[in-house]
C-alpha cells in the first residue's frame, strides 16, 4: 500500500484523495492539503521518502 509522502499515512489507491505523477512515480495523497504541500516543494518530501515508502 502506498504511503502519503507528506504525512506518512498509509493509504489505499482506491481511497486516495489525490495522486500526482512525479518523474517516473505516481504518488498518492490522503488529502488535497497534503498534495498542495508536496507541490510547493516536492524535493523535500522525495528526499525524505525511503524505498519502502515507494511503490512500483
N, C-alpha and C. Protein backbone atom coordinates (compact mmCIF):
# COMPACT_ATOMS: atom_id res chain seq x y z
N UNK A 1 0.85 -1.18 0.00
CA UNK A 1 0.00 0.00 0.00
C UNK A 1 0.90 1.25 0.00
N UNK A 2 0.56 2.24 -0.82
CA UNK A 2 1.39 3.45 -0.85
C UNK A 2 1.28 4.26 0.43
N UNK A 3 2.28 5.09 0.62
CA UNK A 3 2.33 5.98 1.79
C UNK A 3 2.36 7.42 1.28
N UNK A 4 1.50 8.24 1.86
CA UNK A 4 1.47 9.66 1.53
C UNK A 4 2.84 10.24 1.89
N UNK A 5 3.56 10.86 0.95
CA UNK A 5 4.90 11.35 1.24
C UNK A 5 4.94 12.54 2.19
N UNK A 6 3.81 13.18 2.41
CA UNK A 6 3.78 14.36 3.28
C UNK A 6 3.51 13.96 4.73
N UNK A 7 2.41 13.27 4.97
CA UNK A 7 2.02 12.94 6.35
C UNK A 7 2.40 11.53 6.76
N UNK A 8 2.91 10.74 5.80
CA UNK A 8 3.37 9.37 6.03
C UNK A 8 2.24 8.40 6.35
N UNK A 9 1.00 8.77 6.04
CA UNK A 9 -0.14 7.90 6.28
C UNK A 9 -0.22 6.83 5.19
N UNK A 10 -0.44 5.60 5.59
CA UNK A 10 -0.64 4.53 4.61
C UNK A 10 -2.05 4.68 4.05
N UNK A 11 -2.14 4.63 2.73
CA UNK A 11 -3.44 4.87 2.09
C UNK A 11 -3.60 3.94 0.89
N UNK A 12 -4.79 3.42 0.72
CA UNK A 12 -5.03 2.58 -0.45
C UNK A 12 -5.23 3.47 -1.67
N UNK A 13 -4.86 2.95 -2.81
CA UNK A 13 -5.01 3.71 -4.05
C UNK A 13 -6.47 4.09 -4.27
N UNK A 14 -7.37 3.18 -3.96
CA UNK A 14 -8.81 3.44 -4.14
C UNK A 14 -9.32 4.56 -3.26
N UNK A 15 -8.72 4.73 -2.07
CA UNK A 15 -9.18 5.74 -1.12
C UNK A 15 -8.40 7.05 -1.20
N UNK A 16 -7.39 7.12 -2.05
CA UNK A 16 -6.57 8.33 -2.13
C UNK A 16 -7.41 9.52 -2.59
N UNK A 17 -7.21 10.65 -1.93
CA UNK A 17 -7.92 11.88 -2.30
C UNK A 17 -7.32 12.51 -3.55
N UNK A 18 -6.05 12.20 -3.80
CA UNK A 18 -5.36 12.78 -4.96
C UNK A 18 -4.16 11.93 -5.31
N UNK A 19 -3.71 12.10 -6.54
CA UNK A 19 -2.46 11.47 -6.97
C UNK A 19 -1.67 12.49 -7.77
N UNK A 20 -0.39 12.22 -7.90
CA UNK A 20 0.49 13.15 -8.62
C UNK A 20 1.60 12.35 -9.27
N UNK A 21 1.81 12.58 -10.57
CA UNK A 21 2.91 11.93 -11.26
C UNK A 21 4.15 12.78 -11.10
N UNK A 22 5.15 12.21 -10.45
CA UNK A 22 6.41 12.92 -10.20
C UNK A 22 7.52 12.11 -10.85
N UNK A 23 8.06 12.65 -11.90
CA UNK A 23 9.07 11.95 -12.72
C UNK A 23 8.49 10.59 -13.15
N UNK A 24 9.03 9.51 -12.66
CA UNK A 24 8.56 8.18 -13.09
C UNK A 24 7.66 7.52 -12.07
N UNK A 25 7.27 8.23 -11.02
CA UNK A 25 6.46 7.64 -9.95
C UNK A 25 5.09 8.30 -9.87
N UNK A 26 4.11 7.51 -9.52
CA UNK A 26 2.80 8.05 -9.17
C UNK A 26 2.70 8.02 -7.66
N UNK A 27 2.45 9.17 -7.08
CA UNK A 27 2.34 9.30 -5.63
C UNK A 27 0.87 9.50 -5.27
N UNK A 28 0.49 9.02 -4.10
CA UNK A 28 -0.90 9.10 -3.65
C UNK A 28 -0.96 9.87 -2.34
N UNK A 29 -2.03 10.64 -2.18
CA UNK A 29 -2.16 11.54 -1.04
C UNK A 29 -3.49 11.33 -0.33
N UNK A 30 -3.48 11.47 0.99
CA UNK A 30 -4.69 11.27 1.78
C UNK A 30 -5.63 12.46 1.67
N UNK A 31 -5.08 13.63 1.30
CA UNK A 31 -5.91 14.83 1.21
C UNK A 31 -5.34 15.79 0.17
N UNK A 32 -6.16 16.72 -0.24
CA UNK A 32 -5.72 17.77 -1.16
C UNK A 32 -4.68 18.65 -0.47
N UNK A 33 -4.83 18.85 0.84
CA UNK A 33 -3.84 19.66 1.58
C UNK A 33 -2.45 19.04 1.49
N UNK A 34 -2.36 17.73 1.65
CA UNK A 34 -1.05 17.06 1.53
C UNK A 34 -0.51 17.21 0.11
N UNK A 35 -1.36 17.08 -0.88
CA UNK A 35 -0.92 17.26 -2.27
C UNK A 35 -0.36 18.67 -2.46
N UNK A 36 -1.04 19.67 -1.96
CA UNK A 36 -0.59 21.07 -2.12
C UNK A 36 0.74 21.29 -1.41
N UNK A 37 0.91 20.72 -0.24
CA UNK A 37 2.20 20.84 0.46
C UNK A 37 3.30 20.21 -0.37
N UNK A 38 3.03 19.03 -0.93
CA UNK A 38 4.00 18.35 -1.76
C UNK A 38 4.35 19.21 -2.98
N UNK A 39 3.35 19.73 -3.64
CA UNK A 39 3.58 20.53 -4.85
C UNK A 39 4.38 21.79 -4.57
N UNK A 40 4.31 22.30 -3.35
CA UNK A 40 5.05 23.52 -3.01
C UNK A 40 6.56 23.28 -2.94
N UNK A 41 6.97 22.05 -2.62
CA UNK A 41 8.41 21.73 -2.55
C UNK A 41 8.62 20.22 -2.61
N UNK A 42 8.43 19.62 -3.78
CA UNK A 42 8.48 18.16 -3.90
C UNK A 42 9.82 17.54 -3.46
N UNK A 43 10.91 18.24 -3.73
CA UNK A 43 12.23 17.67 -3.40
C UNK A 43 12.37 17.37 -1.92
N UNK A 44 11.81 18.20 -1.08
CA UNK A 44 11.89 17.98 0.37
C UNK A 44 11.25 16.65 0.74
N UNK A 45 10.07 16.40 0.20
CA UNK A 45 9.34 15.19 0.54
C UNK A 45 9.94 13.96 -0.13
N UNK A 46 10.43 14.10 -1.34
CA UNK A 46 11.03 12.96 -2.03
C UNK A 46 12.34 12.54 -1.37
N UNK A 47 13.11 13.49 -0.91
CA UNK A 47 14.36 13.17 -0.21
C UNK A 47 14.11 12.41 1.08
N UNK A 48 12.96 12.68 1.71
CA UNK A 48 12.61 12.03 2.98
C UNK A 48 12.00 10.64 2.80
N UNK A 49 11.60 10.29 1.57
CA UNK A 49 10.95 9.00 1.34
C UNK A 49 11.98 7.88 1.24
N UNK A 50 11.75 6.84 2.01
CA UNK A 50 12.58 5.65 1.92
C UNK A 50 12.07 4.73 0.84
N UNK A 51 12.88 3.77 0.45
CA UNK A 51 12.48 2.82 -0.60
C UNK A 51 11.21 2.07 -0.22
N UNK A 52 11.04 1.77 1.06
CA UNK A 52 9.86 1.01 1.49
C UNK A 52 8.58 1.83 1.36
N UNK A 53 8.70 3.15 1.24
CA UNK A 53 7.53 4.01 1.08
C UNK A 53 7.13 4.21 -0.39
N UNK A 54 7.97 3.75 -1.28
CA UNK A 54 7.69 3.91 -2.71
C UNK A 54 7.04 2.66 -3.22
N UNK A 55 6.15 2.80 -4.18
CA UNK A 55 5.54 1.64 -4.80
C UNK A 55 5.96 1.59 -6.26
N UNK A 56 6.00 0.42 -6.81
CA UNK A 56 6.42 0.28 -8.21
C UNK A 56 5.27 0.55 -9.14
